[in-house]
Amino acid sequence: MTKPRQKWLIIGCGLGVVVIGGILLGSRGPAEPTHEGKRLSAWLDELSAMTFPRECDPDTKPAQAVRAMGTNAIPWLLHELSAEGGALKWRLNRLLGHQKFIKYRFEDSNTRLRRACMGFAALGPMAEPAIPSLLKLVEDKPGYVPSALAYIGPPAIPALQQCLTNYYSMNSPVGKITPIPNNTISAIFNAI
């Protein structure tokens, strides 16, 4: 390889490292709490890996660990719930998938959203202080926020009722409609 080509290759690789570093730094949120030397995300991954009835069982070890962190987990859970998908991360994951040297992959936004909901399920009524922040996210994440509110339980019923009477409306071929966020009705049933 000639010297000018080597120079441009080194510059290109350096820029790639800077871009990836910027994405990693930009996606950082509040400090992640720990319990027994394990990060909250690791406990939530264990909880998410369980099947339906067990993932909502407050007596499992991961759920007890999340509850031990208490309200300290709320800022991190809210940050996870406000996760954006990001086409750039998806493209970088595809590029990283074509090689075998770098094992790192960016997290999928659905994984982060589900993990956050599991965190609210583990906290239950302890997560009541998060309700106002969750209501601000309901229009951006209509498939996940009502579930998170339902997992909080009876303290979140007024918030779920507010989701039913949302003020968000849009134009459609039949006129102006005001949709109910995805699973709000079933979330109210689950919260009760």
Protein backbone atom coordinates (compact mmCIF):
# COMPACT_ATOMS: atom_id res chain seq x y z
CA MET A 1 0.00 0.00 0.00
CA THR A 2 1.31 3.46 -0.85
CA LYS A 3 2.02 6.10 1.78
CA PRO A 4 -0.92 8.41 0.80
CA ARG A 5 -3.36 5.47 0.99
CA GLN A 6 -2.02 4.47 4.41
CA LYS A 7 -2.43 8.03 5.60
CA TRP A 8 -6.09 8.16 4.48
CA LEU A 9 -6.79 4.74 5.98
CA ILE A 10 -5.38 5.83 9.35
CA ILE A 11 -7.39 9.09 9.21
CA GLY A 12 -10.56 7.15 8.32
CA CYS A 13 -10.07 4.68 11.17
CA GLY A 14 -9.37 7.53 13.59
CA LEU A 15 -12.58 9.31 12.54
CA GLY A 16 -14.51 6.04 12.95
CA VAL A 17 -13.22 5.64 16.50
CA VAL A 18 -14.15 9.26 17.30
CA VAL A 19 -17.68 8.80 15.92
CA ILE A 20 -18.23 5.57 17.88
CA GLY A 21 -16.83 7.20 21.04
CA GLY A 22 -19.16 10.17 20.56
CA ILE A 23 -22.15 7.88 20.22
CA LEU A 24 -21.18 5.97 23.35
CA LEU A 25 -20.71 9.17 25.36
CA GLY A 26 -23.92 10.68 23.99
CA SER A 27 -25.99 7.65 24.96
CA ARG A 28 -24.87 7.72 28.58
CA GLY A 29 -27.50 8.69 31.09
CA PRO A 30 -27.72 8.91 34.84
CA ALA A 31 -25.48 6.69 36.94
CA GLU A 32 -26.64 3.10 37.01
CA PRO A 33 -27.29 1.84 40.55
CA THR A 34 -25.84 -1.46 41.74
CA HIS A 35 -26.80 -4.13 44.27
CA GLU A 36 -24.51 -6.92 45.47
CA GLY A 37 -21.89 -5.77 42.96
CA LYS A 38 -24.25 -6.17 39.98
CA ARG A 39 -25.58 -3.31 37.88
CA LEU A 40 -29.32 -2.66 37.58
CA SER A 41 -29.26 -3.54 33.88
CA ALA A 42 -27.84 -7.00 34.68
CA TRP A 43 -30.62 -7.66 37.20
CA LEU A 44 -33.22 -6.46 34.70
CA ASP A 45 -31.76 -8.67 31.96
CA GLU A 46 -32.21 -11.65 34.30
CA LEU A 47 -35.76 -10.55 35.05
CA SER A 48 -36.58 -10.07 31.35
CA ALA A 49 -35.25 -13.52 30.51
CA MET A 50 -37.90 -15.13 32.71
CA THR A 51 -41.26 -16.24 31.32
CA PHE A 52 -44.43 -14.23 31.93
CA PRO A 53 -45.68 -15.20 35.36
CA ARG A 54 -42.17 -15.32 36.87
CA GLU A 55 -41.02 -11.99 35.44
CA CYS A 56 -43.72 -10.21 37.46
CA ASP A 57 -43.15 -12.26 40.63
CA PRO A 58 -41.81 -9.94 43.37
CA ASP A 59 -40.19 -12.90 45.16
CA THR A 60 -37.58 -13.63 42.49
CA LYS A 61 -34.01 -12.68 43.31
CA PRO A 62 -33.72 -10.09 40.47
CA ALA A 63 -36.97 -8.39 41.53
CA GLN A 64 -35.80 -8.26 45.14
CA ALA A 65 -32.49 -6.74 44.02
CA VAL A 66 -34.30 -4.02 42.03
CA ARG A 67 -36.54 -3.28 45.02
CA ALA A 68 -33.45 -3.08 47.25
CA MET A 69 -32.18 -0.28 44.99
CA GLY A 70 -35.55 1.42 45.50
CA THR A 71 -36.20 4.88 44.16
CA ASN A 72 -32.51 5.26 43.26
CA ALA A 73 -33.35 3.15 40.19
CA ILE A 74 -36.05 5.53 38.90
CA PRO A 75 -33.81 8.08 37.08
CA TRP A 76 -32.00 5.30 35.24
CA LEU A 77 -35.29 3.53 34.37
CA LEU A 78 -36.77 6.76 33.02
CA HIS A 79 -33.65 7.30 30.90
CA GLU A 80 -34.00 3.77 29.51
CA LEU A 81 -37.69 4.36 28.80
CA SER A 82 -36.90 7.48 26.82
CA ALA A 83 -34.49 5.51 24.62
CA GLU A 84 -34.48 6.35 20.95
CA GLY A 85 -34.01 3.72 18.29
CA GLY A 86 -31.43 5.52 16.24
CA ALA A 87 -30.83 4.53 12.64
CA LEU A 88 -27.12 5.24 13.12
CA LYS A 89 -26.82 2.63 15.89
CA TRP A 90 -28.70 0.12 13.75
CA ARG A 91 -26.36 0.75 10.82
CA LEU A 92 -23.29 0.49 13.03
CA ASN A 93 -24.58 -2.83 14.39
CA ARG A 94 -24.95 -4.08 10.83
CA LEU A 95 -21.41 -2.99 10.03
CA LEU A 96 -20.08 -4.56 13.22
CA GLY A 97 -21.90 -7.76 12.30
CA HIS A 98 -19.80 -8.12 9.15
CA GLN A 99 -16.56 -8.52 11.08
CA LYS A 100 -15.35 -10.76 13.87
CA PHE A 101 -12.76 -8.63 15.72
CA ILE A 102 -14.98 -6.20 17.65
CA LYS A 103 -17.59 -8.02 19.75
CA TYR A 104 -19.39 -4.88 20.95
CA ARG A 105 -22.94 -4.20 19.68
CA PHE A 106 -25.21 -1.25 20.45
CA GLU A 107 -28.36 -2.13 22.40
CA ASP A 108 -31.66 -2.39 20.59
CA SER A 109 -34.16 0.25 21.78
CA ASN A 110 -36.92 -2.35 22.30
CA THR A 111 -34.65 -4.26 24.67
CA ARG A 112 -34.04 -1.09 26.65
CA LEU A 113 -37.75 -0.22 26.74
CA ARG A 114 -38.77 -3.70 27.88
CA ARG A 115 -36.04 -3.70 30.51
CA ALA A 116 -37.33 -0.38 31.87
CA CYS A 117 -40.87 -1.75 32.10
CA MET A 118 -39.56 -4.76 34.01
CA GLY A 119 -37.84 -2.36 36.40
CA PHE A 120 -41.13 -0.61 37.11
CA ALA A 121 -42.77 -4.02 37.55
CA ALA A 122 -40.18 -4.95 40.16
CA LEU A 123 -40.52 -1.63 41.99
CA GLY A 124 -44.32 -1.66 41.94
CA PRO A 125 -45.91 1.06 44.12
CA MET A 126 -42.42 2.22 45.20
CA ALA A 127 -42.15 3.83 41.73
CA GLU A 128 -45.03 6.22 42.38
CA PRO A 129 -42.72 9.29 42.25
CA ALA A 130 -42.05 8.46 38.57
CA ILE A 131 -45.69 8.85 37.48
CA PRO A 132 -45.46 12.53 36.38
CA SER A 133 -42.35 11.79 34.31
CA LEU A 134 -44.00 8.74 32.77
CA LEU A 135 -47.02 10.81 31.75
CA LYS A 136 -44.71 13.12 29.81
CA LEU A 137 -43.45 10.09 27.83
CA VAL A 138 -46.82 8.51 27.04
CA GLU A 139 -47.18 10.02 23.56
CA ASP A 140 -43.61 9.14 22.54
CA LYS A 141 -43.77 5.54 23.80
CA PRO A 142 -47.49 4.59 23.76
CA GLY A 143 -46.72 0.87 23.73
CA TYR A 144 -44.52 0.86 26.83
CA VAL A 145 -45.47 3.72 29.16
CA PRO A 146 -49.01 2.48 29.94
CA SER A 147 -47.47 -0.90 30.81
CA ALA A 148 -44.95 0.75 33.11
CA LEU A 149 -47.78 2.69 34.77
CA ALA A 150 -49.82 -0.51 35.15
CA TYR A 151 -46.88 -2.23 36.83
CA ILE A 152 -46.80 0.58 39.41
CA GLY A 153 -50.31 -0.54 40.36
CA PRO A 154 -53.21 1.30 42.03
CA PRO A 155 -51.31 4.58 42.58
CA ALA A 156 -51.07 4.90 38.76
CA ILE A 157 -54.77 4.44 37.99
CA PRO A 158 -55.48 8.22 37.81
CA ALA A 159 -52.53 8.58 35.42
CA LEU A 160 -53.87 5.75 33.26
CA GLN A 161 -57.28 7.42 33.25
CA GLN A 162 -55.56 10.58 32.08
CA CYS A 163 -54.09 8.55 29.22
CA LEU A 164 -57.66 7.75 28.16
CA THR A 165 -58.53 11.43 27.96
CA ASN A 166 -55.38 12.50 26.19
CA TYR A 167 -55.29 15.76 24.31
CA TYR A 168 -53.22 14.48 21.42
CA SER A 169 -55.22 14.42 18.20
CA MET A 170 -54.44 13.96 14.54
CA ASN A 171 -56.15 14.42 11.22
CA SER A 172 -57.38 11.37 9.35
CA PRO A 173 -59.42 10.81 6.19
CA VAL A 174 -62.58 10.62 8.35
CA GLY A 175 -61.77 13.80 10.31
CA LYS A 176 -59.93 14.62 13.51
CA ILE A 177 -59.37 11.64 15.81
CA THR A 178 -57.88 11.29 19.28
CA PRO A 179 -56.29 7.86 19.61
CA ILE A 180 -55.96 6.07 22.93
CA PRO A 181 -52.32 5.05 23.43
CA ASN A 182 -51.81 1.40 22.43
CA ASN A 183 -52.44 -0.69 25.51
CA THR A 184 -53.94 1.83 27.94
CA ILE A 185 -57.23 0.02 28.44
CA SER A 186 -55.59 -3.32 29.20
CA ALA A 187 -53.03 -1.51 31.39
CA ILE A 188 -55.84 -0.06 33.52
CA PHE A 189 -57.26 -3.56 33.92
CA ASN A 190 -53.84 -4.90 34.95
CA ALA A 191 -53.25 -2.05 37.40
CA ILE A 192 -56.57 -2.74 39.12
